[in-house]
Protein backbone atom coordinates (compact mmCIF):
# COMPACT_ATOMS: atom_id res chain seq x y z
CA UNK A 1 161.04 108.60 76.96
CA UNK A 2 159.55 110.89 79.41
CA UNK A 3 160.81 111.59 82.97
CA UNK A 4 158.35 111.36 85.64
CA UNK A 5 158.01 113.01 88.92
CA UNK A 6 158.01 109.75 90.71
CA UNK A 7 161.30 108.78 88.99
CA UNK A 8 162.79 111.98 90.16
CA UNK A 9 161.53 111.56 93.79
CA UNK A 10 162.56 107.82 93.98
CA UNK A 11 166.06 108.89 92.94
CA UNK A 12 166.23 111.90 95.29
CA UNK A 13 164.98 109.78 98.22
CA UNK A 14 168.04 107.79 97.97
CA UNK A 15 170.66 110.61 97.43
CA UNK A 16 172.38 111.88 100.58
CA UNK A 17 174.71 114.44 101.38
CA UNK A 18 177.62 111.89 101.66
CA UNK A 19 176.65 109.85 98.59
CA UNK A 20 179.82 109.79 96.56
CA UNK A 21 179.88 109.84 92.65
CA UNK A 22 180.81 106.79 90.88
CA UNK A 23 182.48 109.23 88.16
CA UNK A 24 182.86 113.03 87.96
CA UNK A 25 183.56 115.51 90.50
CA UNK A 26 180.19 116.86 91.32
CA UNK A 27 178.87 116.53 94.88
CA UNK A 28 175.30 115.30 95.29
CA UNK A 29 174.04 118.99 95.79
CA UNK A 30 175.97 120.25 92.80
CA UNK A 31 174.24 117.39 90.68
CA UNK A 32 170.86 118.32 91.83
CA UNK A 33 171.47 122.08 91.27
CA UNK A 34 172.78 121.41 87.88
CA UNK A 35 169.60 119.41 86.99
CA UNK A 36 167.65 122.39 88.33
CA UNK A 37 169.41 124.87 86.00
CA UNK A 38 168.86 122.60 82.99
CA UNK A 39 165.15 122.52 83.88
CA UNK A 40 164.93 126.32 84.05
CA UNK A 41 166.84 126.67 80.67
CA UNK A 42 164.20 124.45 79.03
CA UNK A 43 161.25 126.82 80.02
CA UNK A 44 163.22 129.96 79.28
CA UNK A 45 163.62 131.03 83.10
CA UNK A 46 167.33 130.98 82.29
CA UNK A 47 168.05 132.25 78.83
CA UNK A 48 170.72 131.19 76.53
CA UNK A 49 171.22 133.23 73.30
CA UNK A 50 169.97 131.79 70.15
CA UNK A 51 172.39 130.31 67.91
CA UNK A 52 172.79 127.96 64.81
CA UNK A 53 174.23 124.46 66.10
CA UNK A 54 177.09 123.01 64.20
CA UNK A 55 176.81 119.92 62.11
CA UNK A 56 178.42 118.06 64.62
CA UNK A 57 176.04 119.32 67.40
CA UNK A 58 173.13 118.29 65.32
CA UNK A 59 174.49 114.92 64.74
CA UNK A 60 175.19 114.53 68.51
CA UNK A 61 171.48 115.68 69.05
CA UNK A 62 170.16 113.16 66.79
CA UNK A 63 172.15 110.42 68.39
CA UNK A 64 171.29 111.50 71.85
CA UNK A 65 167.63 112.35 71.60
CA UNK A 66 166.47 109.75 68.81
CA UNK A 67 168.40 106.51 69.75
CA UNK A 68 168.74 104.40 72.76
CA UNK A 69 172.40 105.81 73.37
CA UNK A 70 172.96 107.10 76.89
CA UNK A 71 175.07 110.07 77.84
CA UNK A 72 178.68 109.07 78.27
CA UNK A 73 180.65 109.42 81.51
CA UNK A 74 183.08 112.21 80.26
CA UNK A 75 180.55 114.37 78.74
CA UNK A 76 180.79 117.99 79.84
CA UNK A 77 178.48 120.93 79.50
CA UNK A 78 179.05 123.54 76.90
CA UNK A 79 181.40 126.32 78.18
CA UNK A 80 182.52 124.33 81.00
CA UNK A 81 185.47 125.68 83.03
CA UNK A 82 186.29 122.60 84.81
CA UNK A 83 185.37 124.30 88.09
CA UNK A 84 182.29 123.47 90.09
CA UNK A 85 179.83 126.32 90.41
CA UNK A 86 179.08 128.00 93.95
CA UNK A 87 176.05 126.16 95.38
CA UNK A 88 172.96 128.17 95.45
CA UNK A 89 171.09 126.39 98.34
CA UNK A 90 171.99 126.10 101.85
CA UNK A 91 171.65 122.39 101.86
CA UNK A 92 170.83 119.38 99.66
CA UNK A 93 167.26 119.17 101.04
CA UNK A 94 166.72 122.51 99.80
CA UNK A 95 168.27 121.89 96.45
CA UNK A 96 165.97 118.76 96.11
CA UNK A 97 162.99 120.73 97.07
CA UNK A 98 163.94 123.43 94.17
CA UNK A 99 164.40 120.65 91.62
CA UNK A 100 161.05 119.13 92.31
CA UNK A 101 159.60 122.64 92.11
CA UNK A 102 161.43 123.23 88.70
CA UNK A 103 160.09 119.98 87.48
CA UNK A 104 156.41 121.15 88.41
CA UNK A 105 157.17 124.63 86.52
CA UNK A 106 158.43 122.48 83.50
CA UNK A 107 155.27 120.44 83.12
CA UNK A 108 153.08 123.41 83.68
CA UNK A 109 155.15 125.52 81.01
CA UNK A 110 154.55 123.26 78.38
CA UNK A 111 150.92 122.67 79.20
CA UNK A 112 150.49 126.30 78.83
CA UNK A 113 152.77 126.84 75.88
CA UNK A 114 151.75 124.53 73.34
CA UNK A 115 154.56 124.41 70.43
CA UNK A 116 156.98 126.35 72.49
CA UNK A 117 160.76 125.75 72.17
CA UNK A 118 163.77 126.98 74.29
CA UNK A 119 167.61 127.18 73.57
CA UNK A 120 169.62 124.24 74.55
CA UNK A 121 173.39 125.52 74.96
CA UNK A 122 174.77 122.53 72.67
CA UNK A 123 171.72 121.77 70.43
CA UNK A 124 170.06 124.95 69.82
CA UNK A 125 166.21 125.36 70.03
CA UNK A 126 164.41 122.03 71.28
CA UNK A 127 160.86 121.59 71.42
CA UNK A 128 158.84 119.76 74.24
CA UNK A 129 159.46 116.22 72.77
CA UNK A 130 163.08 116.94 72.49
CA UNK A 131 163.32 118.54 76.06
CA UNK A 132 161.55 115.52 77.43
CA UNK A 133 163.99 113.07 75.83
CA UNK A 134 166.86 115.39 76.83
CA UNK A 135 165.66 115.67 80.64
CA UNK A 136 165.15 111.49 80.75
CA UNK A 137 168.55 110.83 79.62
CA UNK A 138 170.30 113.80 81.51
CA UNK A 139 168.65 112.90 84.75
CA UNK A 140 169.34 109.13 84.11
CA UNK A 141 172.97 109.93 83.55
CA UNK A 142 173.37 112.03 86.65
CA UNK A 143 171.35 109.78 88.99
CA UNK A 144 173.47 106.81 87.74
CA UNK A 145 176.41 109.10 88.45
CA UNK A 146 175.55 108.77 92.15
CA UNK A 147 174.08 105.22 91.92
CA UNK A 148 170.53 106.36 92.62
CA UNK A 149 168.67 105.49 89.37
CA UNK A 150 166.66 102.32 89.78
CA UNK A 151 167.20 99.97 86.68
CA UNK A 152 163.51 99.50 86.53
CA UNK A 153 163.01 103.13 86.49
CA UNK A 154 161.56 103.01 82.79
CA UNK A 155 159.34 105.77 81.29
């Protein structure tokens, strides 16, 4: 399960400012910026303190990353306040560009840092294979949230 640039691009092409979520409260731009933040976490551009995940978190990690299970509709990020974060980019198009740039940085980072791992806020340290699986399922979840994931968009 590895997300590809073309899968991201295909989904982003269908995503418009006025695309409404099928569930959740994010706007299209909030979702794109959220995916960008997660990519930056996975390469250490945004640091999360090292911690030991709970047994429950380790079970969730195994179930999410190493089965065919998809992320559920009601899942929330760790430390979620219930409020949407302020937008970083002036518009959706700029946010899309930032997401594609973050994807390129992600690919380059793991090409240049063999064996690296970075901290996920719920699961602790993840290696490249685990981050690949996470980004695939996480992106699919959010692109489905906005109805822009193609069902034939397989890895």
